[in-house]
Amino acid sequence: MTKITLAIPEGKEFKKQLEQELALSKNIKDKANRESIKKGLGKILANYSDKKVFLWDGTKLTIYGYYLKEFIYQCGKDFVIPTDNILKNRYLMMTMDANNCSIGMLSGKKLIMLWDKDSFVPRKHDKGGQSQRRFERARQEALKEWMKKVAKKMQNIVYSG
């Protein structure tokens, strides 16, 4: 699956070029790559802002703050990592949604996975009836407990060094 890396420094305007890229993506021959790129570029456009790094892995979009001067835009089999200070420093990275959370340490060009768990929060209930509100309350409570668990794990990682 094709990955998209887009790093936008402060003051760089790239939204029109992204719209053009989205229009041109219809010319990609491989259907799976074409659909993945179109979906990724659409999500990036919906969340567009400067001082951000957008990473699309084919299924989900991850967004980070970005304070370097280097502009990067690439579609390919691997992500491109900005090179200014990132080779000297270590960065803690986290992606989270209702289903999963992954926490990793980026050190140089290596990403070390520290924690990766599934939440087991029930999916949204789309059926009607008397039990709908009860199921929704149970889901909200499970989601709240999942977020507390992730926050506690993040605190343990950050404060333990």
C-alpha atoms as a PDB file:
ATOM      1  CA  MET A   1       0.000   0.000   0.000  1.00  0.00           C
ATOM      2  CA  THR A   2       1.263   3.453  -0.875  1.00  0.00           C
ATOM      3  CA  LYS A   3       2.240   5.799   1.956  1.00  0.00           C
ATOM      4  CA  ILE A   4       2.041   9.593   1.865  1.00  0.00           C
ATOM      5  CA  THR A   5       4.427  11.870   3.738  1.00  0.00           C
ATOM      6  CA  LEU A   6       3.642  15.591   3.826  1.00  0.00           C
ATOM      7  CA  ALA A   7       5.610  17.959   6.096  1.00  0.00           C
ATOM      8  CA  ILE A   8       4.532  21.602   5.884  1.00  0.00           C
ATOM      9  CA  PRO A   9       6.710  24.251   7.570  1.00  0.00           C
ATOM     10  CA  GLU A  10       5.281  27.508   8.912  1.00  0.00           C
ATOM     11  CA  GLY A  11       4.132  29.889   6.176  1.00  0.00           C
ATOM     12  CA  LYS A  12       4.238  27.320   3.330  1.00  0.00           C
ATOM     13  CA  GLU A  13       0.977  27.210   1.362  1.00  0.00           C
ATOM     14  CA  PHE A  14       0.438  23.868  -0.362  1.00  0.00           C
ATOM     15  CA  LYS A  15      -3.339  23.412  -0.358  1.00  0.00           C
ATOM     16  CA  LYS A  16      -3.880  24.283  -4.062  1.00  0.00           C
ATOM     17  CA  GLN A  17      -1.140  21.865  -5.108  1.00  0.00           C
ATOM     18  CA  LEU A  18      -2.775  19.162  -2.973  1.00  0.00           C
ATOM     19  CA  GLU A  19      -6.085  19.777  -4.713  1.00  0.00           C
ATOM     20  CA  GLN A  20      -4.290  19.422  -8.069  1.00  0.00           C
ATOM     21  CA  GLU A  21      -2.619  16.203  -6.860  1.00  0.00           C
ATOM     22  CA  LEU A  22      -6.020  14.849  -5.838  1.00  0.00           C
ATOM     23  CA  ALA A  23      -7.413  15.651  -9.304  1.00  0.00           C
ATOM     24  CA  LEU A  24      -4.409  14.029 -10.995  1.00  0.00           C
ATOM     25  CA  SER A  25      -4.644  10.893  -8.848  1.00  0.00           C
ATOM     26  CA  LYS A  26      -7.346   9.579 -11.186  1.00  0.00           C
ATOM     27  CA  ASN A  27      -4.515   8.809 -13.650  1.00  0.00           C
ATOM     28  CA  ILE A  28      -2.874   6.234 -11.340  1.00  0.00           C
ATOM     29  CA  LYS A  29      -3.222   2.857 -13.063  1.00  0.00           C
ATOM     30  CA  ASP A  30      -3.261   0.529 -10.060  1.00  0.00           C
ATOM     31  CA  LYS A  31      -6.762   0.694  -8.547  1.00  0.00           C
ATOM     32  CA  ALA A  32      -5.705  -0.072  -4.941  1.00  0.00           C
ATOM     33  CA  ASN A  33      -2.989   2.625  -5.010  1.00  0.00           C
ATOM     34  CA  ARG A  34      -5.312   5.107  -6.724  1.00  0.00           C
ATOM     35  CA  GLU A  35      -8.059   4.665  -4.132  1.00  0.00           C
ATOM     36  CA  SER A  36      -5.581   4.785  -1.237  1.00  0.00           C
ATOM     37  CA  ILE A  37      -3.937   7.985  -2.519  1.00  0.00           C
ATOM     38  CA  LYS A  38      -7.311   9.641  -3.199  1.00  0.00           C
ATOM     39  CA  LYS A  39      -8.571   8.760   0.271  1.00  0.00           C
ATOM     40  CA  GLY A  40      -5.324   9.904   1.930  1.00  0.00           C
ATOM     41  CA  LEU A  41      -5.149  13.206   0.055  1.00  0.00           C
ATOM     42  CA  GLY A  42      -8.821  13.826   0.857  1.00  0.00           C
ATOM     43  CA  LYS A  43      -8.195  13.326   4.582  1.00  0.00           C
ATOM     44  CA  ILE A  44      -5.084  15.524   4.472  1.00  0.00           C
ATOM     45  CA  LEU A  45      -7.057  18.297   2.744  1.00  0.00           C
ATOM     46  CA  ALA A  46      -9.812  18.025   5.347  1.00  0.00           C
ATOM     47  CA  ASN A  47      -7.238  18.493   8.165  1.00  0.00           C
ATOM     48  CA  TYR A  48      -4.867  20.851   6.319  1.00  0.00           C
ATOM     49  CA  SER A  49      -2.720  23.251   8.347  1.00  0.00           C
ATOM     50  CA  ASP A  50       0.851  24.502   8.188  1.00  0.00           C
ATOM     51  CA  LYS A  51       3.350  23.451  10.881  1.00  0.00           C
ATOM     52  CA  LYS A  52       2.122  19.842  10.570  1.00  0.00           C
ATOM     53  CA  VAL A  53       3.437  16.465   9.402  1.00  0.00           C
ATOM     54  CA  PHE A  54       0.795  14.259   7.779  1.00  0.00           C
ATOM     55  CA  LEU A  55       1.506  10.526   7.513  1.00  0.00           C
ATOM     56  CA  TRP A  56      -1.003   8.384   5.578  1.00  0.00           C
ATOM     57  CA  ASP A  57      -0.286   4.654   5.824  1.00  0.00           C
ATOM     58  CA  GLY A  58      -3.095   3.517   3.515  1.00  0.00           C
ATOM     59  CA  THR A  59      -5.699   3.130   6.254  1.00  0.00           C
ATOM     60  CA  LYS A  60      -5.303   5.957   8.763  1.00  0.00           C
ATOM     61  CA  LEU A  61      -3.959   9.487   8.903  1.00  0.00           C
ATOM     62  CA  THR A  62      -1.535  10.486  11.649  1.00  0.00           C
ATOM     63  CA  ILE A  63      -0.818  14.181  12.280  1.00  0.00           C
ATOM     64  CA  TYR A  64       2.087  15.665  14.253  1.00  0.00           C
ATOM     65  CA  GLY A  65       3.260  19.170  15.009  1.00  0.00           C
ATOM     66  CA  TYR A  66       6.176  20.258  12.798  1.00  0.00           C
ATOM     67  CA  TYR A  67       8.593  23.077  13.559  1.00  0.00           C
ATOM     68  CA  LEU A  68      11.416  22.455  11.113  1.00  0.00           C
ATOM     69  CA  LYS A  69      12.076  24.408   7.892  1.00  0.00           C
ATOM     70  CA  GLU A  70      12.217  21.427   5.504  1.00  0.00           C
ATOM     71  CA  PHE A  71       9.220  20.900   3.151  1.00  0.00           C
ATOM     72  CA  ILE A  72       8.515  17.280   2.194  1.00  0.00           C
ATOM     73  CA  TYR A  73       5.876  15.744  -0.061  1.00  0.00           C
ATOM     74  CA  GLN A  74       6.268  12.165  -1.230  1.00  0.00           C
ATOM     75  CA  CYS A  75       4.124   9.168  -2.085  1.00  0.00           C
ATOM     76  CA  GLY A  76       5.904   5.823  -1.949  1.00  0.00           C
ATOM     77  CA  LYS A  77       6.397   2.539  -0.154  1.00  0.00           C
ATOM     78  CA  ASP A  78       8.085   4.169   2.891  1.00  0.00           C
ATOM     79  CA  PHE A  79       7.622   7.322   4.943  1.00  0.00           C
ATOM     80  CA  VAL A  80      10.198  10.092   4.556  1.00  0.00           C
ATOM     81  CA  ILE A  81      11.520  11.417   7.859  1.00  0.00           C
ATOM     82  CA  PRO A  82      12.523  15.111   8.094  1.00  0.00           C
ATOM     83  CA  THR A  83      16.276  15.326   8.633  1.00  0.00           C
ATOM     84  CA  ASP A  84      17.031  18.704  10.286  1.00  0.00           C
ATOM     85  CA  ASN A  85      17.168  17.846  14.000  1.00  0.00           C
ATOM     86  CA  ILE A  86      15.399  14.530  14.031  1.00  0.00           C
ATOM     87  CA  LEU A  87      18.586  12.488  13.737  1.00  0.00           C
ATOM     88  CA  LYS A  88      19.951  13.975  16.967  1.00  0.00           C
ATOM     89  CA  ASN A  89      16.802  13.862  19.114  1.00  0.00           C
ATOM     90  CA  ARG A  90      14.336  11.285  20.352  1.00  0.00           C
ATOM     91  CA  TYR A  91      10.613  11.746  19.856  1.00  0.00           C
ATOM     92  CA  LEU A  92       7.732   9.974  21.523  1.00  0.00           C
ATOM     93  CA  MET A  93       4.942   9.235  19.047  1.00  0.00           C
ATOM     94  CA  MET A  94       1.414   8.013  19.689  1.00  0.00           C
ATOM     95  CA  THR A  95      -1.562   7.112  17.518  1.00  0.00           C
ATOM     96  CA  MET A  96      -4.884   6.383  19.177  1.00  0.00           C
ATOM     97  CA  ASP A  97      -8.506   5.816  18.316  1.00  0.00           C
ATOM     98  CA  ALA A  98     -11.382   3.905  19.905  1.00  0.00           C
ATOM     99  CA  ASN A  99     -10.008   0.563  18.673  1.00  0.00           C
ATOM    100  CA  ASN A 100      -6.232   0.729  19.105  1.00  0.00           C
ATOM    101  CA  CYS A 101      -3.319   2.682  20.560  1.00  0.00           C
ATOM    102  CA  SER A 102       0.340   2.524  19.546  1.00  0.00           C
ATOM    103  CA  ILE A 103       3.166   4.334  21.312  1.00  0.00           C
ATOM    104  CA  GLY A 104       6.661   4.405  19.872  1.00  0.00           C
ATOM    105  CA  MET A 105       9.995   6.169  20.246  1.00  0.00           C
ATOM    106  CA  LEU A 106      11.569   7.682  17.137  1.00  0.00           C
ATOM    107  CA  SER A 107      15.330   7.792  17.547  1.00  0.00           C
ATOM    108  CA  GLY A 108      17.240   8.735  14.420  1.00  0.00           C
ATOM    109  CA  LYS A 109      15.703   6.681  11.634  1.00  0.00           C
ATOM    110  CA  LYS A 110      14.519   3.890  13.950  1.00  0.00           C
ATOM    111  CA  LEU A 111      10.997   3.628  15.318  1.00  0.00           C
ATOM    112  CA  ILE A 112      10.955   1.503  18.462  1.00  0.00           C
ATOM    113  CA  MET A 113       7.493   0.231  19.399  1.00  0.00           C
ATOM    114  CA  LEU A 114       6.962   0.687  23.153  1.00  0.00           C
ATOM    115  CA  TRP A 115       3.296  -0.268  23.478  1.00  0.00           C
ATOM    116  CA  ASP A 116       0.607  -1.487  21.082  1.00  0.00           C
ATOM    117  CA  LYS A 117      -2.794  -2.548  22.419  1.00  0.00           C
ATOM    118  CA  ASP A 118      -6.328  -3.076  21.170  1.00  0.00           C
ATOM    119  CA  SER A 119      -9.050  -1.457  23.261  1.00  0.00           C
ATOM    120  CA  PHE A 120     -11.958  -3.875  22.907  1.00  0.00           C
ATOM    121  CA  VAL A 121     -14.346  -0.911  23.108  1.00  0.00           C
ATOM    122  CA  PRO A 122     -17.605  -2.056  21.478  1.00  0.00           C
ATOM    123  CA  ARG A 123     -18.458  -0.528  18.130  1.00  0.00           C
ATOM    124  CA  LYS A 124     -21.245   2.021  17.839  1.00  0.00           C
ATOM    125  CA  HIS A 125     -24.680   0.481  18.135  1.00  0.00           C
ATOM    126  CA  ASP A 126     -26.813   1.319  15.090  1.00  0.00           C
ATOM    127  CA  LYS A 127     -29.970  -0.622  15.953  1.00  0.00           C
ATOM    128  CA  GLY A 128     -32.956   1.083  17.500  1.00  0.00           C
ATOM    129  CA  GLY A 129     -35.067  -0.103  20.361  1.00  0.00           C
ATOM    130  CA  GLN A 130     -35.233   0.127  24.105  1.00  0.00           C
ATOM    131  CA  SER A 131     -31.632  -0.969  24.698  1.00  0.00           C
ATOM    132  CA  GLN A 132     -29.974   1.542  22.356  1.00  0.00           C
ATOM    133  CA  ARG A 133     -29.267   4.149  25.053  1.00  0.00           C
ATOM    134  CA  ARG A 134     -27.996   1.505  27.467  1.00  0.00           C
ATOM    135  CA  PHE A 135     -25.568   0.169  24.833  1.00  0.00           C
ATOM    136  CA  GLU A 136     -24.391   3.701  24.034  1.00  0.00           C
ATOM    137  CA  ARG A 137     -23.782   4.466  27.728  1.00  0.00           C
ATOM    138  CA  ALA A 138     -21.821   1.230  28.091  1.00  0.00           C
ATOM    139  CA  ARG A 139     -19.748   2.135  25.011  1.00  0.00           C
ATOM    140  CA  GLN A 140     -19.052   5.645  26.348  1.00  0.00           C
ATOM    141  CA  GLU A 141     -17.979   4.221  29.697  1.00  0.00           C
ATOM    142  CA  ALA A 142     -15.670   1.683  28.012  1.00  0.00           C
ATOM    143  CA  LEU A 143     -14.191   4.465  25.847  1.00  0.00           C
ATOM    144  CA  LYS A 144     -13.604   6.640  28.919  1.00  0.00           C
ATOM    145  CA  GLU A 145     -11.811   3.758  30.693  1.00  0.00           C
ATOM    146  CA  TRP A 146      -9.721   3.103  27.547  1.00  0.00           C
ATOM    147  CA  MET A 147      -8.604   6.750  27.451  1.00  0.00           C
ATOM    148  CA  LYS A 148      -7.689   6.637  31.164  1.00  0.00           C
ATOM    149  CA  LYS A 149      -5.635   3.483  30.571  1.00  0.00           C
ATOM    150  CA  VAL A 150      -3.782   5.085  27.644  1.00  0.00           C
ATOM    151  CA  ALA A 151      -3.165   8.313  29.608  1.00  0.00           C
ATOM    152  CA  LYS A 152      -1.753   6.326  32.533  1.00  0.00           C
ATOM    153  CA  LYS A 153       0.509   4.321  30.209  1.00  0.00           C
ATOM    154  CA  MET A 154       1.720   7.524  28.526  1.00  0.00           C
ATOM    155  CA  GLN A 155       2.488   9.057  31.950  1.00  0.00           C
ATOM    156  CA  ASN A 156       4.446   5.957  32.942  1.00  0.00           C
ATOM    157  CA  ILE A 157       6.476   6.099  29.741  1.00  0.00           C
ATOM    158  CA  VAL A 158       7.159   9.849  29.920  1.00  0.00           C
ATOM    159  CA  TYR A 159       8.030  10.028  33.619  1.00  0.00           C
ATOM    160  CA  SER A 160       9.986   6.776  33.818  1.00  0.00           C
ATOM    161  CA  GLY A 161      12.516   8.049  31.294  1.00  0.00           C
END
